[in-house]
């Protein structure tokens, strides 16, 4: 009944751009990677130098990121220590004030006793 068309309407010639991954382009599908580098299509493979450069860039990025995280952690720790020191100073100040108030009360008591003794001795 029908003649088979040998010429396809969509051409998959080499003039098309090389695919970026072996995936249909659907967003929910993960990019497939070959189990062996020798099985990878030449259009997908990268040169050794490019892979090494990419690894270097990734390592530099990770080290910079780690340095930034360390700086942030140190900043937080310093802030926390400042707060703790401030609280310690405040507590020490309160303790000193209570101590001074107590000692001045004792001193007043001693002075009163001395005055009373002096009055008693003055009467005799």
Protein backbone atom coordinates (compact mmCIF):
# COMPACT_ATOMS: atom_id res chain seq x y z
CA UNK A 1 0.00 0.00 0.00
CA UNK A 2 2.55 2.60 0.53
CA UNK A 3 5.99 3.38 -0.53
CA UNK A 4 8.46 3.86 2.24
CA UNK A 5 10.13 7.23 2.38
CA UNK A 6 13.87 6.80 2.58
CA UNK A 7 14.56 10.49 3.10
CA UNK A 8 13.70 11.70 6.55
CA UNK A 9 12.27 15.14 7.16
CA UNK A 10 14.69 15.74 10.06
CA UNK A 11 18.31 15.39 9.23
CA UNK A 12 20.79 14.27 11.90
CA UNK A 13 23.86 15.33 10.02
CA UNK A 14 27.12 16.62 11.45
CA UNK A 15 26.12 20.18 10.67
CA UNK A 16 23.93 20.30 13.80
CA UNK A 17 25.49 21.48 17.05
CA UNK A 18 27.02 18.82 19.26
CA UNK A 19 24.83 17.69 22.16
CA UNK A 20 25.82 18.86 25.61
CA UNK A 21 24.72 15.63 27.27
CA UNK A 22 23.21 12.30 26.46
CA UNK A 23 19.75 13.31 27.60
CA UNK A 24 16.62 14.05 25.65
CA UNK A 25 16.46 17.61 26.93
CA UNK A 26 13.62 16.96 29.33
CA UNK A 27 14.17 18.81 32.58
CA UNK A 28 13.21 15.90 34.85
CA UNK A 29 15.75 13.53 33.37
CA UNK A 30 19.25 13.36 34.82
CA UNK A 31 22.25 13.72 32.54
CA UNK A 32 23.73 10.33 31.79
CA UNK A 33 27.44 9.70 32.05
CA UNK A 34 29.25 6.80 30.46
CA UNK A 35 30.69 4.08 32.64
CA UNK A 36 33.93 4.28 30.70
CA UNK A 37 35.56 7.38 29.22
CA UNK A 38 36.46 5.52 26.05
CA UNK A 39 32.77 4.91 25.40
CA UNK A 40 31.95 8.62 25.52
CA UNK A 41 31.03 10.35 22.32
CA UNK A 42 33.77 12.61 21.02
CA UNK A 43 31.39 15.56 21.02
CA UNK A 44 30.83 15.07 24.76
CA UNK A 45 34.38 14.37 25.82
CA UNK A 46 36.69 17.03 27.19
CA UNK A 47 40.40 17.12 26.82
CA UNK A 48 42.61 16.14 29.75
CA UNK A 49 43.84 19.71 30.10
CA UNK A 50 40.28 21.03 30.31
CA UNK A 51 39.38 18.48 32.98
CA UNK A 52 42.50 19.28 35.00
CA UNK A 53 41.81 23.01 34.69
CA UNK A 54 38.21 22.46 35.77
CA UNK A 55 39.40 20.43 38.78
CA UNK A 56 41.86 23.23 39.69
CA UNK A 57 39.11 25.84 39.41
CA UNK A 58 36.80 23.73 41.55
CA UNK A 59 39.50 23.23 44.17
CA UNK A 60 40.27 26.97 44.25
CA UNK A 61 36.57 27.75 44.61
CA UNK A 62 36.19 25.26 47.46
CA UNK A 63 39.24 26.62 49.29
CA UNK A 64 37.96 30.20 48.94
CA UNK A 65 34.55 29.08 50.16
CA UNK A 66 36.12 27.28 53.15
CA UNK A 67 38.16 30.39 53.96
CA UNK A 68 35.05 32.56 53.89
CA UNK A 69 33.20 30.11 56.13
CA UNK A 70 36.13 30.06 58.56
CA UNK A 71 36.19 33.87 58.67
CA UNK A 72 32.46 33.96 59.34
CA UNK A 73 32.79 31.32 62.08
CA UNK A 74 35.66 33.25 63.69
CA UNK A 75 33.62 36.46 63.54
CA UNK A 76 30.68 34.76 65.26
CA UNK A 77 32.99 33.28 67.90
CA UNK A 78 34.55 36.69 68.55
CA UNK A 79 31.11 38.27 68.90
CA UNK A 80 30.03 35.51 71.29
CA UNK A 81 33.19 36.00 73.37
CA UNK A 82 32.60 39.77 73.55
CA UNK A 83 29.09 39.16 74.86
CA UNK A 84 30.36 36.68 77.47
CA UNK A 85 33.08 39.10 78.60
CA UNK A 86 30.56 41.92 78.89
CA UNK A 87 28.29 39.73 81.03
CA UNK A 88 31.23 38.70 83.24
CA UNK A 89 32.23 42.35 83.77
CA UNK A 90 28.65 43.28 84.63
CA UNK A 91 28.35 40.39 87.13
CA UNK A 92 31.69 41.32 88.71
CA UNK A 93 30.56 44.94 89.02
CA UNK A 94 27.33 43.87 90.73
CA UNK A 95 29.26 41.57 93.06
CA UNK A 96 31.63 44.40 93.99
CA UNK A 97 28.73 46.77 94.62
CA UNK A 98 27.01 44.23 96.89
CA UNK A 99 30.28 43.61 98.71
CA UNK A 100 30.89 47.35 99.17
CA UNK A 101 27.34 47.89 100.43
CA UNK A 102 27.73 45.04 102.91
CA UNK A 103 31.14 46.26 104.08
CA UNK A 104 29.94 49.84 104.48
CA UNK A 105 27.00 48.56 106.55
CA UNK A 106 29.41 46.62 108.77
CA UNK A 107 31.65 49.65 109.04
CA UNK A 108 28.67 51.81 110.05
CA UNK A 109 27.79 49.24 112.71
CA UNK A 110 31.36 49.34 114.06
CA UNK A 111 31.34 53.13 114.12
CA UNK A 112 28.00 53.14 115.97
CA UNK A 113 29.32 50.67 118.55
CA UNK A 114 32.40 52.82 119.05
CA UNK A 115 30.24 55.91 119.52
CA UNK A 116 28.02 54.11 122.02
CA UNK A 117 31.06 52.91 123.95
CA UNK A 118 32.46 56.44 123.90
CA UNK A 119 29.18 57.83 125.25
CA UNK A 120 29.03 55.23 127.99
CA UNK A 121 32.62 55.96 129.02
CA UNK A 122 31.99 59.70 128.84
CA UNK A 123 29.13 59.45 131.33
CA UNK A 124 31.29 57.76 133.94
